[in-house]
Each structure stands twice: as structure tokens, then as C-alpha cells.
């Protein structure tokens, strides 16, 4: 990150950005340092992009939510 003139790192729960979460998981098994996809690398990521474009939201399960669901 030292090569960028300005950057900001901020934590976001994976439910808030499922596309980035899926790409990060996929990137962990790639041998290359930098990859550009011309098309979505998987149907799962395509469905996350579609959900994001349509403004769908996802609940984050936490202990209080799980207790309610039980």
C-alpha cells in the first residue's frame, strides 16, 4: 500500500460486501499476485453482484439473533 499516494482501510462485515468476501476467498488459492477478470469467475459471485445491484440486504447473525431463531 506504500505505492499509493492515498488509501484508507476500513473493516466491513462480509454480509455488507459479499462480492469482495467471495473474491478474497478465491484469491487465497490463486498463484498470481494480480488478476483482472473480464467475466465473473463463478456463478456464486455473479449472484452476489446481482443481489447488490438490486439493493438486497442480508442480516448478520449474532448471538442474540441466533437465540431468537432457536
N, C-alpha and C. Protein backbone atom coordinates (compact mmCIF):
# COMPACT_ATOMS: atom_id res chain seq x y z
N UNK A 1 0.82 -1.19 0.00
CA UNK A 1 0.00 0.00 0.00
C UNK A 1 0.86 1.26 0.00
N UNK A 2 2.13 1.11 0.24
CA UNK A 2 3.02 2.25 0.24
C UNK A 2 3.17 2.91 -1.12
N UNK A 3 2.81 2.20 -2.18
CA UNK A 3 2.92 2.76 -3.53
C UNK A 3 1.77 3.69 -3.89
N UNK A 4 0.70 3.65 -3.11
CA UNK A 4 -0.46 4.51 -3.38
C UNK A 4 -0.27 5.84 -2.65
N UNK A 5 -0.65 6.93 -3.30
CA UNK A 5 -0.49 8.24 -2.67
C UNK A 5 -1.49 8.44 -1.54
N UNK A 6 -2.64 7.81 -1.64
CA UNK A 6 -3.66 7.96 -0.61
C UNK A 6 -4.50 6.70 -0.57
N UNK A 7 -4.72 6.16 0.62
CA UNK A 7 -5.60 5.00 0.74
C UNK A 7 -6.19 4.97 2.14
N UNK A 8 -7.30 4.27 2.27
CA UNK A 8 -7.98 4.14 3.56
C UNK A 8 -8.42 2.69 3.68
N UNK A 9 -8.15 2.09 4.81
CA UNK A 9 -8.56 0.72 5.07
C UNK A 9 -9.63 0.75 6.15
N UNK A 10 -10.74 0.09 5.87
CA UNK A 10 -11.84 0.10 6.83
C UNK A 10 -12.45 -1.30 6.86
N UNK A 11 -12.78 -1.78 8.06
CA UNK A 11 -13.40 -3.09 8.20
C UNK A 11 -14.87 -3.01 7.81
N UNK A 12 -15.30 -3.99 7.04
CA UNK A 12 -16.71 -4.13 6.68
C UNK A 12 -17.06 -5.60 6.87
N UNK A 13 -18.16 -5.89 7.55
CA UNK A 13 -18.58 -7.27 7.72
C UNK A 13 -18.88 -7.88 6.36
N UNK A 14 -18.62 -9.17 6.23
CA UNK A 14 -18.76 -9.80 4.91
C UNK A 14 -20.17 -9.73 4.37
N UNK A 15 -21.16 -9.65 5.22
CA UNK A 15 -22.54 -9.54 4.74
C UNK A 15 -22.77 -8.23 3.99
N UNK A 16 -21.99 -7.21 4.32
CA UNK A 16 -22.14 -5.92 3.68
C UNK A 16 -21.48 -5.88 2.30
N UNK A 17 -20.55 -6.79 2.04
CA UNK A 17 -19.90 -6.83 0.73
C UNK A 17 -19.55 -8.27 0.41
N UNK A 18 -20.56 -9.04 0.05
CA UNK A 18 -20.38 -10.46 -0.22
C UNK A 18 -19.52 -10.70 -1.45
N UNK A 19 -19.55 -9.78 -2.41
CA UNK A 19 -18.72 -9.91 -3.61
C UNK A 19 -17.25 -9.87 -3.22
N UNK A 20 -16.87 -8.88 -2.43
CA UNK A 20 -15.48 -8.76 -2.00
C UNK A 20 -15.05 -9.96 -1.18
N UNK A 21 -15.94 -10.46 -0.31
CA UNK A 21 -15.63 -11.63 0.50
C UNK A 21 -15.37 -12.85 -0.37
N UNK A 22 -16.24 -13.08 -1.37
CA UNK A 22 -16.08 -14.23 -2.26
C UNK A 22 -14.81 -14.11 -3.10
N UNK A 23 -14.52 -12.90 -3.59
CA UNK A 23 -13.30 -12.70 -4.38
C UNK A 23 -12.05 -12.89 -3.53
N UNK A 24 -12.09 -12.43 -2.27
CA UNK A 24 -10.94 -12.60 -1.37
C UNK A 24 -10.69 -14.08 -1.10
N UNK A 25 -11.76 -14.84 -0.87
CA UNK A 25 -11.61 -16.28 -0.65
C UNK A 25 -11.01 -16.96 -1.88
N UNK A 26 -11.48 -16.57 -3.04
CA UNK A 26 -10.97 -17.16 -4.27
C UNK A 26 -9.51 -16.74 -4.50
N UNK A 27 -9.19 -15.51 -4.16
CA UNK A 27 -7.84 -15.01 -4.34
C UNK A 27 -6.81 -15.73 -3.48
N UNK A 28 -7.25 -16.30 -2.38
CA UNK A 28 -6.33 -17.02 -1.49
C UNK A 28 -5.72 -18.25 -2.15
N UNK A 29 -6.37 -18.79 -3.16
CA UNK A 29 -5.86 -20.01 -3.80
C UNK A 29 -5.19 -19.73 -5.14
N UNK A 30 -5.16 -18.46 -5.57
CA UNK A 30 -4.53 -18.11 -6.84
C UNK A 30 -3.02 -17.97 -6.66
N UNK A 31 -2.27 -18.31 -7.68
CA UNK A 31 -0.82 -18.19 -7.65
C UNK A 31 -0.35 -16.79 -8.05
N UNK A 32 -1.15 -16.08 -8.83
CA UNK A 32 -0.77 -14.77 -9.34
C UNK A 32 -0.95 -13.69 -8.27
N UNK A 33 -0.15 -12.62 -8.35
CA UNK A 33 -0.26 -11.50 -7.42
C UNK A 33 -1.37 -10.54 -7.83
N UNK A 34 -1.66 -10.46 -9.13
CA UNK A 34 -2.65 -9.51 -9.63
C UNK A 34 -3.45 -10.18 -10.73
N UNK A 35 -4.77 -10.14 -10.62
CA UNK A 35 -5.64 -10.79 -11.60
C UNK A 35 -6.77 -9.84 -11.97
N UNK A 36 -7.08 -9.74 -13.25
CA UNK A 36 -8.22 -8.96 -13.74
C UNK A 36 -9.17 -9.94 -14.41
N UNK A 37 -10.43 -9.96 -13.96
CA UNK A 37 -11.43 -10.84 -14.54
C UNK A 37 -12.25 -10.06 -15.57
N UNK A 38 -12.35 -10.57 -16.79
CA UNK A 38 -13.22 -9.97 -17.80
C UNK A 38 -14.67 -10.36 -17.59
N UNK A 39 -14.87 -11.54 -17.02
CA UNK A 39 -16.20 -12.02 -16.67
C UNK A 39 -16.14 -12.55 -15.25
N UNK A 40 -17.28 -12.73 -14.64
CA UNK A 40 -17.33 -13.22 -13.27
C UNK A 40 -16.69 -14.60 -13.19
N UNK A 41 -15.83 -14.82 -12.20
CA UNK A 41 -15.16 -16.12 -12.10
C UNK A 41 -16.04 -17.26 -11.61
N UNK A 42 -17.25 -16.95 -11.11
CA UNK A 42 -18.13 -18.03 -10.66
C UNK A 42 -19.58 -17.56 -10.66
N UNK A 43 -20.50 -18.52 -10.68
CA UNK A 43 -21.93 -18.20 -10.61
C UNK A 43 -22.28 -17.60 -9.26
N UNK A 44 -21.60 -18.05 -8.20
CA UNK A 44 -21.86 -17.52 -6.86
C UNK A 44 -21.58 -16.02 -6.81
N UNK A 45 -20.44 -15.60 -7.36
CA UNK A 45 -20.09 -14.19 -7.36
C UNK A 45 -21.07 -13.41 -8.24
N UNK A 46 -21.48 -13.98 -9.36
CA UNK A 46 -22.48 -13.32 -10.22
C UNK A 46 -23.77 -13.08 -9.46
N UNK A 47 -24.21 -14.05 -8.66
CA UNK A 47 -25.45 -13.89 -7.90
C UNK A 47 -25.29 -12.82 -6.82
N UNK A 48 -24.09 -12.71 -6.21
CA UNK A 48 -23.86 -11.66 -5.22
C UNK A 48 -23.89 -10.29 -5.88
N UNK A 49 -23.30 -10.17 -7.07
CA UNK A 49 -23.32 -8.89 -7.80
C UNK A 49 -24.76 -8.53 -8.14
N UNK A 50 -25.53 -9.48 -8.63
CA UNK A 50 -26.93 -9.24 -8.98
C UNK A 50 -27.72 -8.77 -7.75
N UNK A 51 -27.51 -9.42 -6.60
CA UNK A 51 -28.19 -9.03 -5.36
C UNK A 51 -27.80 -7.62 -4.96
N UNK A 52 -26.50 -7.29 -5.11
CA UNK A 52 -26.02 -5.96 -4.75
C UNK A 52 -26.63 -4.89 -5.65
N UNK A 53 -26.68 -5.16 -6.94
CA UNK A 53 -27.26 -4.21 -7.90
C UNK A 53 -28.73 -3.95 -7.58
N UNK A 54 -29.43 -4.97 -7.12
CA UNK A 54 -30.86 -4.85 -6.82
C UNK A 54 -31.13 -4.33 -5.41
N UNK A 55 -30.07 -4.00 -4.66
CA UNK A 55 -30.25 -3.41 -3.35
C UNK A 55 -30.69 -4.36 -2.27
N UNK A 56 -30.49 -5.65 -2.46
CA UNK A 56 -30.85 -6.63 -1.43
C UNK A 56 -29.89 -6.51 -0.26
N UNK A 57 -30.40 -6.72 0.94
CA UNK A 57 -29.55 -6.68 2.13
C UNK A 57 -29.63 -8.03 2.84
N UNK A 58 -28.63 -8.29 3.65
CA UNK A 58 -28.55 -9.56 4.35
C UNK A 58 -28.30 -9.29 5.83
N UNK A 59 -28.99 -10.02 6.68
CA UNK A 59 -28.84 -9.86 8.12
C UNK A 59 -27.55 -10.52 8.59
N UNK A 60 -26.91 -9.91 9.56
CA UNK A 60 -25.74 -10.51 10.19
C UNK A 60 -26.23 -11.29 11.40
N UNK A 61 -25.93 -12.58 11.45
CA UNK A 61 -26.33 -13.40 12.59
C UNK A 61 -25.36 -13.18 13.75
N UNK A 62 -25.91 -12.77 14.87
CA UNK A 62 -25.12 -12.62 16.08
C UNK A 62 -25.81 -13.42 17.17
N UNK A 63 -25.22 -13.52 18.32
CA UNK A 63 -25.73 -14.38 19.38
C UNK A 63 -27.20 -14.10 19.71
N UNK A 64 -27.61 -12.84 19.76
CA UNK A 64 -28.99 -12.54 20.10
C UNK A 64 -29.93 -12.97 18.98
N UNK A 65 -29.52 -12.85 17.72
CA UNK A 65 -30.35 -13.30 16.60
C UNK A 65 -30.49 -14.82 16.63
N UNK A 66 -29.40 -15.52 16.90
CA UNK A 66 -29.41 -16.98 16.90
C UNK A 66 -30.33 -17.50 18.02
N UNK A 67 -30.31 -16.85 19.19
CA UNK A 67 -31.18 -17.25 20.29
C UNK A 67 -32.65 -17.09 19.92
N UNK A 68 -32.96 -16.03 19.18
CA UNK A 68 -34.34 -15.81 18.74
C UNK A 68 -34.77 -16.87 17.74
N UNK A 69 -33.84 -17.27 16.87
CA UNK A 69 -34.17 -18.25 15.83
C UNK A 69 -34.32 -19.66 16.39
N UNK A 70 -33.74 -19.94 17.55
CA UNK A 70 -33.75 -21.30 18.12
C UNK A 70 -35.09 -21.69 18.67
